[in-house]
């Protein structure tokens, strides 16, 4: 009975949601913190397991209805936290066009059963104004006091300086090498998320050892880096979800290829990501020397300026 569920679980928000949202969206928001809209049963189960450990005081809620079109294995029994929503702060060293920033913004967008209380920005030297503005529109944005001197003038209208974390229940951190200093006197759950498998990631994990209480990897490869520092039993692997609202094509494949100058005979090798040295996007260009002439490279992302020829130097078959 979705009407009854809305009345019990959403309280004052009932009238607004019942008048503005279709039934599918209502179901997602009733238990949004559990990613009810996600169709990957394994992903949802892992997320539930982690949050169950953090917040044991919950009431059970069975998702699904006769009109739920998802396969039965994706309809997992969920739990909702009673009382006030958990307050979560994100510790973000940078706010640039990158995978971790997009991951954090998407998490906040779909986990609507959580009170996203703050994003604490610890290294304001790495930033892009679009991402700063989007984060500030999603949750209160603060700059760590120890790094306030690096704050660019253009970003100042979007954030405030803060000495320590605001009062929260959980801290969610990634890529932060000074986690102990940033967390300070906070003694609640600190979830460290790893998105990589390299020496930098291992350094982050080692610096956070003794501060982080929970370890999450976005892939089995990322989990291997954790395992070099902490016991494997303490690591939870939660694969990245996909924001289908952003990633669903709105135009045909053929139309986009024509616009980019590719013929039907071309074979295109694509790179989608940040154009920076550690990502080595130029490998997509260099490999063209070893492939038939109908192969092309397409690099899409932000980072190096358009005038920088690091990515496509000496490769007329590459499009940036």
C-alpha atoms as a PDB file:
ATOM      1  CA  UNK A   1       0.000   0.000   0.000  1.00  0.00           C
ATOM      2  CA  UNK A   2       2.128   2.854  -1.272  1.00  0.00           C
ATOM      3  CA  UNK A   3      -0.207   5.561   0.025  1.00  0.00           C
ATOM      4  CA  UNK A   4       0.058   4.188   3.545  1.00  0.00           C
ATOM      5  CA  UNK A   5       3.822   3.770   3.224  1.00  0.00           C
ATOM      6  CA  UNK A   6       4.224   7.373   2.132  1.00  0.00           C
ATOM      7  CA  UNK A   7       2.167   8.590   5.075  1.00  0.00           C
ATOM      8  CA  UNK A   8       4.150   6.586   7.618  1.00  0.00           C
ATOM      9  CA  UNK A   9       7.664   7.033   6.260  1.00  0.00           C
ATOM     10  CA  UNK A  10       7.679  10.460   4.663  1.00  0.00           C
ATOM     11  CA  UNK A  11       5.553  12.448   7.092  1.00  0.00           C
ATOM     12  CA  UNK A  12       5.332  16.086   6.050  1.00  0.00           C
ATOM     13  CA  UNK A  13       6.842  15.307   2.634  1.00  0.00           C
ATOM     14  CA  UNK A  14       3.855  13.137   1.711  1.00  0.00           C
ATOM     15  CA  UNK A  15       1.768  15.815  -0.002  1.00  0.00           C
ATOM     16  CA  UNK A  16       4.650  17.137  -2.104  1.00  0.00           C
ATOM     17  CA  UNK A  17       5.862  13.735  -3.236  1.00  0.00           C
ATOM     18  CA  UNK A  18       2.443  12.214  -3.891  1.00  0.00           C
ATOM     19  CA  UNK A  19       1.502  15.112  -6.148  1.00  0.00           C
ATOM     20  CA  UNK A  20       4.818  15.420  -8.005  1.00  0.00           C
ATOM     21  CA  UNK A  21       6.228  11.936  -8.481  1.00  0.00           C
ATOM     22  CA  UNK A  22       5.110   8.804 -10.344  1.00  0.00           C
ATOM     23  CA  UNK A  23       4.775   5.555  -8.427  1.00  0.00           C
ATOM     24  CA  UNK A  24       8.211   4.241  -9.448  1.00  0.00           C
ATOM     25  CA  UNK A  25       9.920   7.370  -8.153  1.00  0.00           C
ATOM     26  CA  UNK A  26       7.923   7.239  -4.916  1.00  0.00           C
ATOM     27  CA  UNK A  27       9.121   3.682  -4.305  1.00  0.00           C
ATOM     28  CA  UNK A  28      12.718   4.775  -4.860  1.00  0.00           C
ATOM     29  CA  UNK A  29      12.481   7.767  -2.537  1.00  0.00           C
ATOM     30  CA  UNK A  30      10.692   5.856   0.223  1.00  0.00           C
ATOM     31  CA  UNK A  31      13.846   3.799   0.611  1.00  0.00           C
ATOM     32  CA  UNK A  32      16.247   5.802  -1.503  1.00  0.00           C
ATOM     33  CA  UNK A  33      19.259   5.150   0.680  1.00  0.00           C
ATOM     34  CA  UNK A  34      19.121   1.508  -0.408  1.00  0.00           C
ATOM     35  CA  UNK A  35      19.350   2.196  -4.168  1.00  0.00           C
ATOM     36  CA  UNK A  36      15.941   0.645  -4.771  1.00  0.00           C
ATOM     37  CA  UNK A  37      16.100   1.667  -8.420  1.00  0.00           C
ATOM     38  CA  UNK A  38      19.243  -0.416  -9.014  1.00  0.00           C
ATOM     39  CA  UNK A  39      18.721  -3.684 -10.869  1.00  0.00           C
ATOM     40  CA  UNK A  40      21.969  -5.420  -9.865  1.00  0.00           C
ATOM     41  CA  UNK A  41      21.083  -7.702  -6.969  1.00  0.00           C
ATOM     42  CA  UNK A  42      24.694  -8.215  -5.890  1.00  0.00           C
ATOM     43  CA  UNK A  43      25.405  -4.483  -5.791  1.00  0.00           C
ATOM     44  CA  UNK A  44      22.291  -3.782  -3.711  1.00  0.00           C
ATOM     45  CA  UNK A  45      23.011  -6.631  -1.300  1.00  0.00           C
ATOM     46  CA  UNK A  46      26.560  -5.424  -0.630  1.00  0.00           C
ATOM     47  CA  UNK A  47      25.398  -1.856  -0.025  1.00  0.00           C
ATOM     48  CA  UNK A  48      22.679  -3.053   2.337  1.00  0.00           C
ATOM     49  CA  UNK A  49      25.145  -5.203   4.232  1.00  0.00           C
ATOM     50  CA  UNK A  50      27.497  -2.304   4.829  1.00  0.00           C
ATOM     51  CA  UNK A  51      24.781   0.120   5.935  1.00  0.00           C
ATOM     52  CA  UNK A  52      23.154  -2.547   8.102  1.00  0.00           C
ATOM     53  CA  UNK A  53      26.436  -2.737  10.003  1.00  0.00           C
ATOM     54  CA  UNK A  54      26.544   1.030  10.425  1.00  0.00           C
ATOM     55  CA  UNK A  55      22.856   1.463  11.353  1.00  0.00           C
ATOM     56  CA  UNK A  56      21.343  -1.615  13.008  1.00  0.00           C
ATOM     57  CA  UNK A  57      18.240   0.218  14.324  1.00  0.00           C
ATOM     58  CA  UNK A  58      15.932  -0.177  11.316  1.00  0.00           C
ATOM     59  CA  UNK A  59      12.521  -1.520  10.445  1.00  0.00           C
ATOM     60  CA  UNK A  60      12.108  -3.972   7.554  1.00  0.00           C
ATOM     61  CA  UNK A  61      10.425  -3.088   4.303  1.00  0.00           C
ATOM     62  CA  UNK A  62       9.671  -5.421   1.427  1.00  0.00           C
ATOM     63  CA  UNK A  63      10.272  -3.747  -1.906  1.00  0.00           C
ATOM     64  CA  UNK A  64       8.290  -4.458  -5.031  1.00  0.00           C
ATOM     65  CA  UNK A  65       4.701  -4.587  -6.147  1.00  0.00           C
ATOM     66  CA  UNK A  66       2.667  -6.555  -8.717  1.00  0.00           C
ATOM     67  CA  UNK A  67       3.685  -3.926 -11.278  1.00  0.00           C
ATOM     68  CA  UNK A  68       7.399  -4.156 -10.493  1.00  0.00           C
ATOM     69  CA  UNK A  69       8.905  -5.299 -13.799  1.00  0.00           C
ATOM     70  CA  UNK A  70      12.329  -6.287 -12.463  1.00  0.00           C
ATOM     71  CA  UNK A  71      13.403  -9.942 -12.201  1.00  0.00           C
ATOM     72  CA  UNK A  72      12.647 -11.627  -8.842  1.00  0.00           C
ATOM     73  CA  UNK A  73      16.340 -11.993  -7.969  1.00  0.00           C
ATOM     74  CA  UNK A  74      16.693  -8.198  -8.017  1.00  0.00           C
ATOM     75  CA  UNK A  75      13.912  -7.710  -5.467  1.00  0.00           C
ATOM     76  CA  UNK A  76      15.869  -7.950  -2.269  1.00  0.00           C
ATOM     77  CA  UNK A  77      14.431  -7.465   1.183  1.00  0.00           C
ATOM     78  CA  UNK A  78      15.538  -4.033   2.364  1.00  0.00           C
ATOM     79  CA  UNK A  79      15.561  -2.291   5.685  1.00  0.00           C
ATOM     80  CA  UNK A  80      14.811   1.307   6.571  1.00  0.00           C
ATOM     81  CA  UNK A  81      16.271   3.206   9.466  1.00  0.00           C
ATOM     82  CA  UNK A  82      13.751   4.375  12.028  1.00  0.00           C
ATOM     83  CA  UNK A  83      13.749   7.963  13.145  1.00  0.00           C
ATOM     84  CA  UNK A  84      15.932  10.706  11.756  1.00  0.00           C
ATOM     85  CA  UNK A  85      18.008  10.192   8.637  1.00  0.00           C
ATOM     86  CA  UNK A  86      21.765   9.519   9.077  1.00  0.00           C
ATOM     87  CA  UNK A  87      23.918  12.601   8.521  1.00  0.00           C
ATOM     88  CA  UNK A  88      26.843  11.894   6.194  1.00  0.00           C
ATOM     89  CA  UNK A  89      29.842  14.041   5.283  1.00  0.00           C
ATOM     90  CA  UNK A  90      32.020  13.478   2.219  1.00  0.00           C
ATOM     91  CA  UNK A  91      35.742  14.234   2.477  1.00  0.00           C
ATOM     92  CA  UNK A  92      36.904  15.206  -1.014  1.00  0.00           C
ATOM     93  CA  UNK A  93      40.516  16.199  -1.697  1.00  0.00           C
ATOM     94  CA  UNK A  94      39.657  17.651  -5.112  1.00  0.00           C
ATOM     95  CA  UNK A  95      36.597  18.790  -7.048  1.00  0.00           C
ATOM     96  CA  UNK A  96      37.627  18.297 -10.654  1.00  0.00           C
ATOM     97  CA  UNK A  97      36.139  16.412 -13.586  1.00  0.00           C
ATOM     98  CA  UNK A  98      37.012  12.928 -12.360  1.00  0.00           C
ATOM     99  CA  UNK A  99      35.537   9.556 -11.576  1.00  0.00           C
ATOM    100  CA  UNK A 100      35.559   9.924  -7.785  1.00  0.00           C
ATOM    101  CA  UNK A 101      33.795  13.285  -7.879  1.00  0.00           C
ATOM    102  CA  UNK A 102      31.112  11.991 -10.249  1.00  0.00           C
ATOM    103  CA  UNK A 103      30.748   8.897  -8.066  1.00  0.00           C
ATOM    104  CA  UNK A 104      30.160  11.063  -4.966  1.00  0.00           C
ATOM    105  CA  UNK A 105      27.649  13.327  -6.723  1.00  0.00           C
ATOM    106  CA  UNK A 106      25.701  10.375  -8.118  1.00  0.00           C
ATOM    107  CA  UNK A 107      25.664   8.697  -4.706  1.00  0.00           C
ATOM    108  CA  UNK A 108      24.183  11.831  -3.148  1.00  0.00           C
ATOM    109  CA  UNK A 109      21.623  12.115  -5.948  1.00  0.00           C
ATOM    110  CA  UNK A 110      20.181   8.629  -5.494  1.00  0.00           C
ATOM    111  CA  UNK A 111      20.695   7.975  -1.748  1.00  0.00           C
ATOM    112  CA  UNK A 112      17.932  10.369  -0.806  1.00  0.00           C
ATOM    113  CA  UNK A 113      17.212   8.672   2.512  1.00  0.00           C
ATOM    114  CA  UNK A 114      20.500  10.140   3.769  1.00  0.00           C
ATOM    115  CA  UNK A 115      21.014  13.686   5.002  1.00  0.00           C
ATOM    116  CA  UNK A 116      24.082  14.774   3.024  1.00  0.00           C
ATOM    117  CA  UNK A 117      25.297  17.223   5.637  1.00  0.00           C
ATOM    118  CA  UNK A 118      28.571  18.415   4.119  1.00  0.00           C
ATOM    119  CA  UNK A 119      31.361  18.037   1.624  1.00  0.00           C
ATOM    120  CA  UNK A 120      34.708  19.005   3.157  1.00  0.00           C
ATOM    121  CA  UNK A 121      37.097  20.053   0.383  1.00  0.00           C
ATOM    122  CA  UNK A 122      40.680  19.533   1.521  1.00  0.00           C
ATOM    123  CA  UNK A 123      42.835  20.406  -1.523  1.00  0.00           C
ATOM    124  CA  UNK A 124      41.211  23.336  -3.348  1.00  0.00           C
ATOM    125  CA  UNK A 125      44.156  23.607  -5.732  1.00  0.00           C
ATOM    126  CA  UNK A 126      42.543  20.835  -7.822  1.00  0.00           C
ATOM    127  CA  UNK A 127      39.153  21.967  -9.075  1.00  0.00           C
ATOM    128  CA  UNK A 128      36.806  22.866 -11.890  1.00  0.00           C
ATOM    129  CA  UNK A 129      34.121  25.494 -11.399  1.00  0.00           C
ATOM    130  CA  UNK A 130      31.339  23.340 -12.876  1.00  0.00           C
ATOM    131  CA  UNK A 131      32.019  20.553 -10.372  1.00  0.00           C
ATOM    132  CA  UNK A 132      32.345  22.980  -7.448  1.00  0.00           C
ATOM    133  CA  UNK A 133      28.990  24.551  -8.323  1.00  0.00           C
ATOM    134  CA  UNK A 134      27.294  21.160  -8.692  1.00  0.00           C
ATOM    135  CA  UNK A 135      28.619  19.933  -5.345  1.00  0.00           C
ATOM    136  CA  UNK A 136      27.512  23.158  -3.620  1.00  0.00           C
ATOM    137  CA  UNK A 137      24.033  22.712  -5.093  1.00  0.00           C
ATOM    138  CA  UNK A 138      23.918  19.109  -3.813  1.00  0.00           C
ATOM    139  CA  UNK A 139      25.075  19.639  -0.218  1.00  0.00           C
ATOM    140  CA  UNK A 140      26.760  22.317   1.953  1.00  0.00           C
ATOM    141  CA  UNK A 141      30.321  22.790   0.698  1.00  0.00           C
ATOM    142  CA  UNK A 142      33.177  23.683   3.062  1.00  0.00           C
ATOM    143  CA  UNK A 143      36.895  24.207   2.573  1.00  0.00           C
ATOM    144  CA  UNK A 144      39.189  22.778   5.221  1.00  0.00           C
ATOM    145  CA  UNK A 145      40.742  25.653   7.171  1.00  0.00           C
ATOM    146  CA  UNK A 146      44.297  24.335   6.732  1.00  0.00           C
ATOM    147  CA  UNK A 147      43.926  24.589   2.949  1.00  0.00           C
ATOM    148  CA  UNK A 148      41.904  27.812   2.759  1.00  0.00           C
ATOM    149  CA  UNK A 149      44.892  29.718   1.393  1.00  0.00           C
ATOM    150  CA  UNK A 150      44.688  27.650  -1.825  1.00  0.00           C
ATOM    151  CA  UNK A 151      41.016  28.487  -2.434  1.00  0.00           C
ATOM    152  CA  UNK A 152      40.598  30.144  -5.868  1.00  0.00           C
ATOM    153  CA  UNK A 153      38.685  33.422  -5.936  1.00  0.00           C
ATOM    154  CA  UNK A 154      36.158  32.047  -8.437  1.00  0.00           C
ATOM    155  CA  UNK A 155      35.182  29.222  -6.041  1.00  0.00           C
ATOM    156  CA  UNK A 156      34.757  31.369  -2.913  1.00  0.00           C
ATOM    157  CA  UNK A 157      31.067  32.210  -3.462  1.00  0.00           C
ATOM    158  CA  UNK A 158      30.214  28.504  -3.342  1.00  0.00           C
ATOM    159  CA  UNK A 159      31.760  27.503  -0.025  1.00  0.00           C
ATOM    160  CA  UNK A 160      32.713  28.453   3.524  1.00  0.00           C
ATOM    161  CA  UNK A 161      35.882  27.789   5.494  1.00  0.00           C
ATOM    162  CA  UNK A 162      35.583  25.270   8.319  1.00  0.00           C
ATOM    163  CA  UNK A 163      38.136  24.071  10.869  1.00  0.00           C
ATOM    164  CA  UNK A 164      36.637  20.601  11.341  1.00  0.00           C
ATOM    165  CA  UNK A 165      33.789  18.382  10.240  1.00  0.00           C
ATOM    166  CA  UNK A 166      30.238  19.427  11.138  1.00  0.00           C
ATOM    167  CA  UNK A 167      28.266  17.115  13.467  1.00  0.00           C
ATOM    168  CA  UNK A 168      27.604  13.974  11.398  1.00  0.00           C
ATOM    169  CA  UNK A 169      26.986  10.250  11.882  1.00  0.00           C
ATOM    170  CA  UNK A 170      29.255   8.910   9.128  1.00  0.00           C
ATOM    171  CA  UNK A 171      32.273  10.154   7.182  1.00  0.00           C
ATOM    172  CA  UNK A 172      32.755   8.939   3.600  1.00  0.00           C
ATOM    173  CA  UNK A 173      36.289   9.577   2.287  1.00  0.00           C
ATOM    174  CA  UNK A 174      38.328   8.900  -0.837  1.00  0.00           C
ATOM    175  CA  UNK A 175      41.897   9.700  -1.964  1.00  0.00           C
ATOM    176  CA  UNK A 176      42.647  11.614   1.247  1.00  0.00           C
ATOM    177  CA  UNK A 177      46.222  11.253   2.523  1.00  0.00           C
ATOM    178  CA  UNK A 178      45.609  13.355   5.662  1.00  0.00           C
ATOM    179  CA  UNK A 179      42.500  11.595   6.867  1.00  0.00           C
ATOM    180  CA  UNK A 180      43.517  11.535  10.542  1.00  0.00           C
ATOM    181  CA  UNK A 181      43.966  15.318  10.579  1.00  0.00           C
ATOM    182  CA  UNK A 182      40.775  15.960   8.654  1.00  0.00           C
ATOM    183  CA  UNK A 183      38.618  13.667  10.799  1.00  0.00           C
ATOM    184  CA  UNK A 184      40.074  15.113  13.995  1.00  0.00           C
ATOM    185  CA  UNK A 185      37.932  14.321  17.037  1.00  0.00           C
ATOM    186  CA  UNK A 186      35.214  12.474  15.110  1.00  0.00           C
ATOM    187  CA  UNK A 187      34.779   8.956  16.496  1.00  0.00           C
ATOM    188  CA  UNK A 188      31.961   7.578  14.366  1.00  0.00           C
ATOM    189  CA  UNK A 189      32.170   5.286  11.321  1.00  0.00           C
ATOM    190  CA  UNK A 190      34.723   6.404   8.725  1.00  0.00           C
ATOM    191  CA  UNK A 191      34.244   4.664   5.357  1.00  0.00           C
ATOM    192  CA  UNK A 192      37.290   4.761   3.074  1.00  0.00           C
ATOM    193  CA  UNK A 193      36.529   4.071  -0.588  1.00  0.00           C
ATOM    194  CA  UNK A 194      39.233   2.951  -3.023  1.00  0.00           C
ATOM    195  CA  UNK A 195      38.839   3.573  -6.759  1.00  0.00           C
ATOM    196  CA  UNK A 196      42.306   2.493  -7.876  1.00  0.00           C
ATOM    197  CA  UNK A 197      45.032  -0.123  -7.779  1.00  0.00           C
ATOM    198  CA  UNK A 198      48.402   1.622  -7.730  1.00  0.00           C
ATOM    199  CA  UNK A 199      51.080   3.024  -5.425  1.00  0.00           C
ATOM    200  CA  UNK A 200      49.101   6.232  -4.788  1.00  0.00           C
ATOM    201  CA  UNK A 201      46.039   4.279  -3.677  1.00  0.00           C
ATOM    202  CA  UNK A 202      48.152   2.117  -1.381  1.00  0.00           C
ATOM    203  CA  UNK A 203      49.617   5.242   0.198  1.00  0.00           C
ATOM    204  CA  UNK A 204      46.103   6.599   0.866  1.00  0.00           C
ATOM    205  CA  UNK A 205      45.084   3.321   2.504  1.00  0.00           C
ATOM    206  CA  UNK A 206      48.202   3.162   4.676  1.00  0.00           C
ATOM    207  CA  UNK A 207      47.741   6.764   5.824  1.00  0.00           C
ATOM    208  CA  UNK A 208      44.122   6.004   6.740  1.00  0.00           C
ATOM    209  CA  UNK A 209      44.926   2.772   8.597  1.00  0.00           C
ATOM    210  CA  UNK A 210      43.751   3.118  12.188  1.00  0.00           C
ATOM    211  CA  UNK A 211      41.377   5.934  11.266  1.00  0.00           C
ATOM    212  CA  UNK A 212      39.034   4.238   8.784  1.00  0.00           C
ATOM    213  CA  UNK A 213      36.565   1.786  10.298  1.00  0.00           C
ATOM    214  CA  UNK A 214      35.202   0.406   7.025  1.00  0.00           C
ATOM    215  CA  UNK A 215      36.919  -0.233   3.694  1.00  0.00           C
ATOM    216  CA  UNK A 216      35.056  -0.262   0.370  1.00  0.00           C
ATOM    217  CA  UNK A 217      36.549  -1.060  -3.055  1.00  0.00           C
ATOM    218  CA  UNK A 218      34.743  -0.390  -6.329  1.00  0.00           C
ATOM    219  CA  UNK A 219      36.238  -3.487  -7.994  1.00  0.00           C
ATOM    220  CA  UNK A 220      38.126  -6.658  -7.142  1.00  0.00           C
ATOM    221  CA  UNK A 221      41.275  -5.032  -8.532  1.00  0.00           C
ATOM    222  CA  UNK A 222      40.851  -2.133  -6.103  1.00  0.00           C
ATOM    223  CA  UNK A 223      40.220  -4.611  -3.284  1.00  0.00           C
ATOM    224  CA  UNK A 224      43.650  -6.170  -3.897  1.00  0.00           C
ATOM    225  CA  UNK A 225      45.282  -2.865  -2.952  1.00  0.00           C
ATOM    226  CA  UNK A 226      43.362  -2.809   0.332  1.00  0.00           C
ATOM    227  CA  UNK A 227      44.386  -6.411   1.017  1.00  0.00           C
ATOM    228  CA  UNK A 228      48.057  -5.388   1.101  1.00  0.00           C
ATOM    229  CA  UNK A 229      47.280  -3.210   4.142  1.00  0.00           C
ATOM    230  CA  UNK A 230      44.186  -4.571   5.912  1.00  0.00           C
ATOM    231  CA  UNK A 231      42.697  -8.084   6.255  1.00  0.00           C
ATOM    232  CA  UNK A 232      40.565  -9.145   3.292  1.00  0.00           C
ATOM    233  CA  UNK A 233      37.678  -9.872   5.663  1.00  0.00           C
ATOM    234  CA  UNK A 234      37.372  -6.145   6.415  1.00  0.00           C
ATOM    235  CA  UNK A 235      36.977  -5.136   2.749  1.00  0.00           C
ATOM    236  CA  UNK A 236      33.616  -4.786   1.011  1.00  0.00           C
ATOM    237  CA  UNK A 237      33.507  -4.669  -2.803  1.00  0.00           C
ATOM    238  CA  UNK A 238      30.665  -2.561  -4.226  1.00  0.00           C
ATOM    239  CA  UNK A 239      30.839  -2.119  -7.976  1.00  0.00           C
ATOM    240  CA  UNK A 240      29.923   1.273  -9.387  1.00  0.00           C
ATOM    241  CA  UNK A 241      26.333   1.828 -10.404  1.00  0.00           C
ATOM    242  CA  UNK A 242      25.313   3.761 -13.505  1.00  0.00           C
ATOM    243  CA  UNK A 243      23.212   6.913 -13.545  1.00  0.00           C
ATOM    244  CA  UNK A 244      21.017   5.981 -16.507  1.00  0.00           C
ATOM    245  CA  UNK A 245      19.513   9.483 -16.554  1.00  0.00           C
ATOM    246  CA  UNK A 246      22.940  10.827 -17.602  1.00  0.00           C
ATOM    247  CA  UNK A 247      24.250   7.870 -19.604  1.00  0.00           C
ATOM    248  CA  UNK A 248      21.333   6.899 -21.842  1.00  0.00           C
ATOM    249  CA  UNK A 249      21.950   8.013 -25.459  1.00  0.00           C
ATOM    250  CA  UNK A 250      19.449  10.493 -26.847  1.00  0.00           C
ATOM    251  CA  UNK A 251      20.697  10.326 -30.446  1.00  0.00           C
ATOM    252  CA  UNK A 252      21.465   7.476 -32.808  1.00  0.00           C
ATOM    253  CA  UNK A 253      24.935   5.969 -33.047  1.00  0.00           C
ATOM    254  CA  UNK A 254      25.043   6.698 -36.786  1.00  0.00           C
ATOM    255  CA  UNK A 255      24.221  10.410 -36.333  1.00  0.00           C
ATOM    256  CA  UNK A 256      26.940  10.890 -33.742  1.00  0.00           C
ATOM    257  CA  UNK A 257      29.553   9.097 -35.859  1.00  0.00           C
ATOM    258  CA  UNK A 258      28.711  11.297 -38.849  1.00  0.00           C
ATOM    259  CA  UNK A 259      29.006  14.436 -36.723  1.00  0.00           C
ATOM    260  CA  UNK A 260      32.459  13.352 -35.519  1.00  0.00           C
ATOM    261  CA  UNK A 261      33.599  12.616 -39.061  1.00  0.00           C
ATOM    262  CA  UNK A 262      33.721   8.815 -38.904  1.00  0.00           C
ATOM    263  CA  UNK A 263      32.620   6.691 -41.843  1.00  0.00           C
ATOM    264  CA  UNK A 264      30.840   3.351 -41.630  1.00  0.00           C
ATOM    265  CA  UNK A 265      34.148   1.619 -42.474  1.00  0.00           C
ATOM    266  CA  UNK A 266      36.084   3.242 -39.622  1.00  0.00           C
ATOM    267  CA  UNK A 267      36.901   1.294 -36.455  1.00  0.00           C
ATOM    268  CA  UNK A 268      36.981   3.730 -33.542  1.00  0.00           C
ATOM    269  CA  UNK A 269      38.944   3.234 -30.307  1.00  0.00           C
ATOM    270  CA  UNK A 270      37.388   5.403 -27.611  1.00  0.00           C
ATOM    271  CA  UNK A 271      38.776   6.961 -24.438  1.00  0.00           C
ATOM    272  CA  UNK A 272      36.352   8.596 -21.972  1.00  0.00           C
ATOM    273  CA  UNK A 273      37.936  10.147 -18.899  1.00  0.00           C
ATOM    274  CA  UNK A 274      40.175  12.858 -17.546  1.00  0.00           C
ATOM    275  CA  UNK A 275      42.927  13.876 -19.962  1.00  0.00           C
ATOM    276  CA  UNK A 276      45.891  13.789 -17.598  1.00  0.00           C
ATOM    277  CA  UNK A 277      49.327  12.195 -17.519  1.00  0.00           C
ATOM    278  CA  UNK A 278      48.498   9.373 -15.107  1.00  0.00           C
ATOM    279  CA  UNK A 279      45.561   8.222 -17.265  1.00  0.00           C
ATOM    280  CA  UNK A 280      47.905   7.914 -20.301  1.00  0.00           C
ATOM    281  CA  UNK A 281      45.240   8.633 -22.937  1.00  0.00           C
ATOM    282  CA  UNK A 282      48.004   8.993 -25.546  1.00  0.00           C
ATOM    283  CA  UNK A 283      48.283   5.185 -25.618  1.00  0.00           C
ATOM    284  CA  UNK A 284      45.017   5.166 -27.582  1.00  0.00           C
ATOM    285  CA  UNK A 285      46.781   7.269 -30.205  1.00  0.00           C
ATOM    286  CA  UNK A 286      50.088   5.423 -30.220  1.00  0.00           C
ATOM    287  CA  UNK A 287      48.397   2.081 -30.797  1.00  0.00           C
ATOM    288  CA  UNK A 288      47.190   3.340 -34.199  1.00  0.00           C
ATOM    289  CA  UNK A 289      50.715   2.753 -35.537  1.00  0.00           C
ATOM    290  CA  UNK A 290      50.161  -0.982 -35.058  1.00  0.00           C
ATOM    291  CA  UNK A 291      46.655  -1.228 -36.541  1.00  0.00           C
ATOM    292  CA  UNK A 292      45.157  -1.124 -40.065  1.00  0.00           C
ATOM    293  CA  UNK A 293      44.631   2.357 -41.573  1.00  0.00           C
ATOM    294  CA  UNK A 294      40.858   2.365 -41.037  1.00  0.00           C
ATOM    295  CA  UNK A 295      41.307   2.560 -37.246  1.00  0.00           C
ATOM    296  CA  UNK A 296      40.719   5.930 -35.535  1.00  0.00           C
ATOM    297  CA  UNK A 297      41.140   7.175 -31.954  1.00  0.00           C
ATOM    298  CA  UNK A 298      38.496   9.268 -30.182  1.00  0.00           C
ATOM    299  CA  UNK A 299      39.399  10.950 -26.867  1.00  0.00           C
ATOM    300  CA  UNK A 300      36.609  12.570 -24.841  1.00  0.00           C
ATOM    301  CA  UNK A 301      37.205  14.360 -21.546  1.00  0.00           C
ATOM    302  CA  UNK A 302      38.599  17.395 -19.785  1.00  0.00           C
ATOM    303  CA  UNK A 303      42.045  18.164 -18.446  1.00  0.00           C
ATOM    304  CA  UNK A 304      44.744  19.156 -20.902  1.00  0.00           C
ATOM    305  CA  UNK A 305      43.843  22.386 -22.715  1.00  0.00           C
ATOM    306  CA  UNK A 306      42.733  22.106 -26.318  1.00  0.00           C
ATOM    307  CA  UNK A 307      46.004  23.735 -27.398  1.00  0.00           C
ATOM    308  CA  UNK A 308      48.051  21.035 -25.671  1.00  0.00           C
ATOM    309  CA  UNK A 309      49.264  18.439 -28.172  1.00  0.00           C
ATOM    310  CA  UNK A 310      50.248  15.778 -25.587  1.00  0.00           C
ATOM    311  CA  UNK A 311      47.326  13.539 -26.506  1.00  0.00           C
ATOM    312  CA  UNK A 312      47.279  13.639 -30.279  1.00  0.00           C
ATOM    313  CA  UNK A 313      50.716  14.836 -31.397  1.00  0.00           C
ATOM    314  CA  UNK A 314      51.753  13.319 -34.710  1.00  0.00           C
ATOM    315  CA  UNK A 315      48.501  11.402 -35.121  1.00  0.00           C
ATOM    316  CA  UNK A 316      46.174  12.782 -37.816  1.00  0.00           C
ATOM    317  CA  UNK A 317      43.809   9.847 -37.189  1.00  0.00           C
ATOM    318  CA  UNK A 318      42.975  11.037 -33.665  1.00  0.00           C
ATOM    319  CA  UNK A 319      40.034  13.224 -32.662  1.00  0.00           C
ATOM    320  CA  UNK A 320      39.961  15.022 -29.286  1.00  0.00           C
END
